[in-house]
């Protein structure tokens, strides 16, 4: 989704916008946490439309493709009606189907953790970032600075994914909290990759001049 959105913003090729929309629909049908990627990507794509005359006419087609991706949800009531051994939420009726796809069952957990616990959770999140990225974590700030200088739109997109995901979930009252912060790790990984790219590019230029 992020790659397609970035390609749409940097290249005048409508296929990337349509691909981003379709992939967003597919991702939402897989897990609602994909909105932490698809919503910033949508804003990024719409902002890019304003720089291209006539590009806004593509948005209805993009919306249609996004809805096509969401059609995977139509399988849920069909399969639930067969009474399978594992039938989470039993979405065989309209009300239970809406409850399942909208995450209604989990709304009581949203912002369920007190504010006093947020500093501790953020500290634990920082430790987890260090454990997951280890030495490559040093490239994250390098990548942020490099992207801000080279492509502020891309840096803003990744930053929005990280901020949206962390802000919306740091108070989520569940035992497996860190699973819901995976989009933020995706953004950090992209920043780390950009930092490594900046270093190797600088190294290549230095040796080519010597």
Protein backbone atom coordinates (compact mmCIF):
# COMPACT_ATOMS: atom_id res chain seq x y z
CA UNK A 1 0.00 0.00 0.00
CA UNK A 2 2.74 2.44 0.98
CA UNK A 3 4.81 1.62 -2.10
CA UNK A 4 1.83 2.06 -4.42
CA UNK A 5 0.87 5.35 -2.77
CA UNK A 6 4.42 6.65 -3.05
CA UNK A 7 4.68 5.60 -6.69
CA UNK A 8 1.41 7.41 -7.43
CA UNK A 9 2.70 10.56 -5.75
CA UNK A 10 6.00 10.52 -7.64
CA UNK A 11 4.95 9.12 -11.02
CA UNK A 12 2.08 10.11 -13.27
CA UNK A 13 0.68 6.56 -13.51
CA UNK A 14 -2.93 6.00 -12.41
CA UNK A 15 -2.33 2.27 -11.99
CA UNK A 16 -0.46 2.92 -8.74
CA UNK A 17 -3.40 4.85 -7.25
CA UNK A 18 -5.81 2.09 -8.22
CA UNK A 19 -3.45 -0.56 -6.86
CA UNK A 20 -3.19 1.27 -3.53
CA UNK A 21 -6.98 1.43 -3.29
CA UNK A 22 -7.49 -2.25 -4.09
CA UNK A 23 -4.75 -3.35 -1.69
CA UNK A 24 -6.27 -1.18 1.05
CA UNK A 25 -9.58 -2.99 0.63
CA UNK A 26 -7.89 -6.39 0.74
CA UNK A 27 -5.90 -5.41 3.82
CA UNK A 28 -9.01 -4.16 5.64
CA UNK A 29 -10.71 -7.48 4.93
CA UNK A 30 -7.76 -9.18 6.61
CA UNK A 31 -7.47 -6.99 9.73
CA UNK A 32 -8.79 -3.61 10.81
CA UNK A 33 -5.34 -2.53 11.98
CA UNK A 34 -4.51 -1.96 8.31
CA UNK A 35 -6.32 1.39 8.59
CA UNK A 36 -3.21 2.76 10.29
CA UNK A 37 -1.50 2.35 6.92
CA UNK A 38 -4.35 2.87 4.47
CA UNK A 39 -5.75 6.10 5.99
CA UNK A 40 -2.41 8.01 5.86
CA UNK A 41 -1.85 6.54 2.39
CA UNK A 42 -5.29 7.78 1.28
CA UNK A 43 -4.55 11.31 2.51
CA UNK A 44 -1.16 11.16 0.79
CA UNK A 45 -2.74 10.09 -2.51
CA UNK A 46 -5.47 12.75 -2.36
CA UNK A 47 -2.84 15.41 -1.69
CA UNK A 48 -0.96 14.22 -4.77
CA UNK A 49 -4.17 14.48 -6.83
CA UNK A 50 -4.23 18.24 -6.36
CA UNK A 51 -0.94 18.50 -8.25
CA UNK A 52 -2.39 16.71 -11.28
CA UNK A 53 -5.26 18.27 -13.26
CA UNK A 54 -8.09 15.80 -13.68
CA UNK A 55 -6.65 13.29 -11.24
CA UNK A 56 -9.59 13.67 -8.85
CA UNK A 57 -11.72 11.91 -11.45
CA UNK A 58 -9.82 8.73 -10.62
CA UNK A 59 -11.03 8.70 -7.02
CA UNK A 60 -14.44 7.07 -7.76
CA UNK A 61 -12.61 4.26 -9.57
CA UNK A 62 -10.21 3.93 -6.68
CA UNK A 63 -13.12 3.75 -4.24
CA UNK A 64 -14.79 1.06 -6.36
CA UNK A 65 -11.61 -1.04 -6.36
CA UNK A 66 -11.27 -0.60 -2.60
CA UNK A 67 -14.81 -1.91 -2.18
CA UNK A 68 -13.93 -4.87 -4.42
CA UNK A 69 -11.17 -5.77 -2.00
CA UNK A 70 -13.66 -5.61 0.87
CA UNK A 71 -15.87 -8.17 -0.89
CA UNK A 72 -13.85 -10.87 0.88
CA UNK A 73 -16.05 -10.10 3.89
CA UNK A 74 -19.01 -11.53 1.97
CA UNK A 75 -17.62 -15.00 2.61
CA UNK A 76 -18.05 -14.65 6.39
CA UNK A 77 -21.86 -15.05 6.64
CA UNK A 78 -21.78 -17.80 4.04
CA UNK A 79 -19.23 -19.80 6.00
CA UNK A 80 -20.78 -18.96 9.38
CA UNK A 81 -24.14 -20.29 8.21
CA UNK A 82 -22.50 -23.71 7.81
CA UNK A 83 -21.79 -23.76 11.57
CA UNK A 84 -18.04 -24.50 11.38
CA UNK A 85 -16.09 -25.68 14.42
CA UNK A 86 -14.46 -22.24 14.74
CA UNK A 87 -17.06 -19.52 14.23
CA UNK A 88 -15.69 -16.29 15.75
CA UNK A 89 -18.55 -13.88 16.40
CA UNK A 90 -20.96 -16.04 14.37
CA UNK A 91 -21.51 -13.42 11.61
CA UNK A 92 -24.46 -15.33 10.15
CA UNK A 93 -26.92 -12.48 10.85
CA UNK A 94 -26.68 -8.86 9.69
CA UNK A 95 -26.22 -7.47 13.19
CA UNK A 96 -23.49 -9.95 14.14
CA UNK A 97 -21.83 -9.44 10.75
CA UNK A 98 -21.63 -5.67 11.34
CA UNK A 99 -20.35 -6.27 14.87
CA UNK A 100 -17.63 -8.55 13.51
CA UNK A 101 -16.37 -6.38 10.65
CA UNK A 102 -16.55 -3.12 12.63
CA UNK A 103 -14.72 -4.49 15.68
CA UNK A 104 -17.66 -3.64 17.95
CA UNK A 105 -16.64 -6.39 20.36
CA UNK A 106 -13.39 -4.59 21.15
CA UNK A 107 -14.58 -0.99 21.50
CA UNK A 108 -14.62 -1.22 25.29
CA UNK A 109 -10.87 -1.88 25.18
CA UNK A 110 -10.07 1.26 23.15
CA UNK A 111 -8.40 3.83 25.42
CA UNK A 112 -9.17 1.44 28.28
CA UNK A 113 -5.74 1.80 29.85
CA UNK A 114 -5.36 4.79 32.22
CA UNK A 115 -3.17 7.70 31.17
CA UNK A 116 -0.85 7.01 34.10
CA UNK A 117 0.21 3.77 32.41
CA UNK A 118 1.18 5.44 29.12
CA UNK A 119 4.77 6.44 30.10
CA UNK A 120 5.52 2.87 31.14
CA UNK A 121 4.05 1.50 27.94
CA UNK A 122 6.05 3.95 25.84
CA UNK A 123 9.22 2.93 27.69
CA UNK A 124 8.43 -0.74 27.04
CA UNK A 125 7.77 0.11 23.40
CA UNK A 126 11.20 1.76 23.14
CA UNK A 127 12.84 -1.34 24.62
CA UNK A 128 10.97 -3.52 22.13
CA UNK A 129 12.14 -1.32 19.25
CA UNK A 130 15.72 -1.81 20.42
CA UNK A 131 15.27 -5.57 20.70
CA UNK A 132 13.63 -5.88 17.28
CA UNK A 133 16.01 -3.63 15.36
CA UNK A 134 19.12 -4.06 17.53
CA UNK A 135 22.08 -2.32 15.83
CA UNK A 136 20.02 -1.29 12.82
CA UNK A 137 17.98 1.00 15.13
CA UNK A 138 20.75 3.60 14.78
CA UNK A 139 19.72 4.07 11.14
CA UNK A 140 16.18 5.14 12.05
CA UNK A 141 17.01 8.78 12.96
CA UNK A 142 19.43 8.95 10.02
CA UNK A 143 16.65 7.83 7.70
CA UNK A 144 14.20 10.35 9.17
CA UNK A 145 16.59 13.25 8.59
CA UNK A 146 17.60 12.03 5.12
CA UNK A 147 14.00 11.56 3.98
CA UNK A 148 12.92 14.93 5.40
CA UNK A 149 15.60 16.55 3.25
CA UNK A 150 15.09 14.42 0.18
CA UNK A 151 11.34 13.68 0.13
CA UNK A 152 9.23 15.35 2.80
CA UNK A 153 6.05 13.77 1.48
CA UNK A 154 7.39 10.26 1.95
CA UNK A 155 8.79 11.14 5.37
CA UNK A 156 5.42 12.60 6.34
CA UNK A 157 3.59 9.48 5.16
CA UNK A 158 5.78 7.15 7.23
CA UNK A 159 5.65 9.50 10.20
CA UNK A 160 1.86 9.62 10.00
CA UNK A 161 1.64 5.82 9.95
CA UNK A 162 3.85 5.63 13.04
CA UNK A 163 2.09 8.41 14.97
CA UNK A 164 -1.45 7.26 14.08
CA UNK A 165 -0.73 3.67 15.07
CA UNK A 166 1.03 4.45 18.36
CA UNK A 167 -1.40 7.18 19.45
CA UNK A 168 -4.46 5.02 18.75
CA UNK A 169 -3.15 1.86 20.41
CA UNK A 170 -0.85 2.81 23.28
CA UNK A 171 -3.89 2.81 25.60
CA UNK A 172 -5.51 -0.27 24.04
CA UNK A 173 -6.42 -2.54 26.96
CA UNK A 174 -5.36 -5.95 25.62
CA UNK A 175 -2.72 -8.46 26.63
CA UNK A 176 -1.18 -8.73 23.16
CA UNK A 177 -0.82 -4.96 22.66
CA UNK A 178 2.43 -5.18 20.71
CA UNK A 179 0.74 -7.10 17.88
CA UNK A 180 -1.42 -4.04 17.22
CA UNK A 181 1.64 -1.82 16.90
CA UNK A 182 3.07 -3.70 13.92
CA UNK A 183 2.29 -0.83 11.47
CA UNK A 184 4.53 1.44 13.54
CA UNK A 185 7.37 -1.07 13.21
CA UNK A 186 6.78 -1.11 9.46
CA UNK A 187 7.30 2.67 9.38
CA UNK A 188 10.44 2.40 11.54
CA UNK A 189 11.82 -0.34 9.28
CA UNK A 190 11.31 1.93 6.26
CA UNK A 191 13.11 4.76 8.04
CA UNK A 192 15.97 2.41 8.94
CA UNK A 193 16.20 1.28 5.32
CA UNK A 194 16.31 4.90 4.18
CA UNK A 195 19.12 5.56 6.66
CA UNK A 196 21.12 2.65 5.30
CA UNK A 197 20.48 3.86 1.74
CA UNK A 198 21.71 7.33 2.69
CA UNK A 199 24.90 5.89 4.18
CA UNK A 200 25.69 3.60 1.25
CA UNK A 201 24.97 6.42 -1.23
CA UNK A 202 27.34 8.77 0.60
CA UNK A 203 29.95 6.03 0.78
CA UNK A 204 29.65 5.32 -2.94
CA UNK A 205 30.02 9.02 -3.82
CA UNK A 206 33.10 9.35 -1.62
CA UNK A 207 34.86 6.38 -3.18
CA UNK A 208 33.89 7.40 -6.72
CA UNK A 209 35.59 10.76 -6.18
CA UNK A 210 38.77 9.28 -4.76
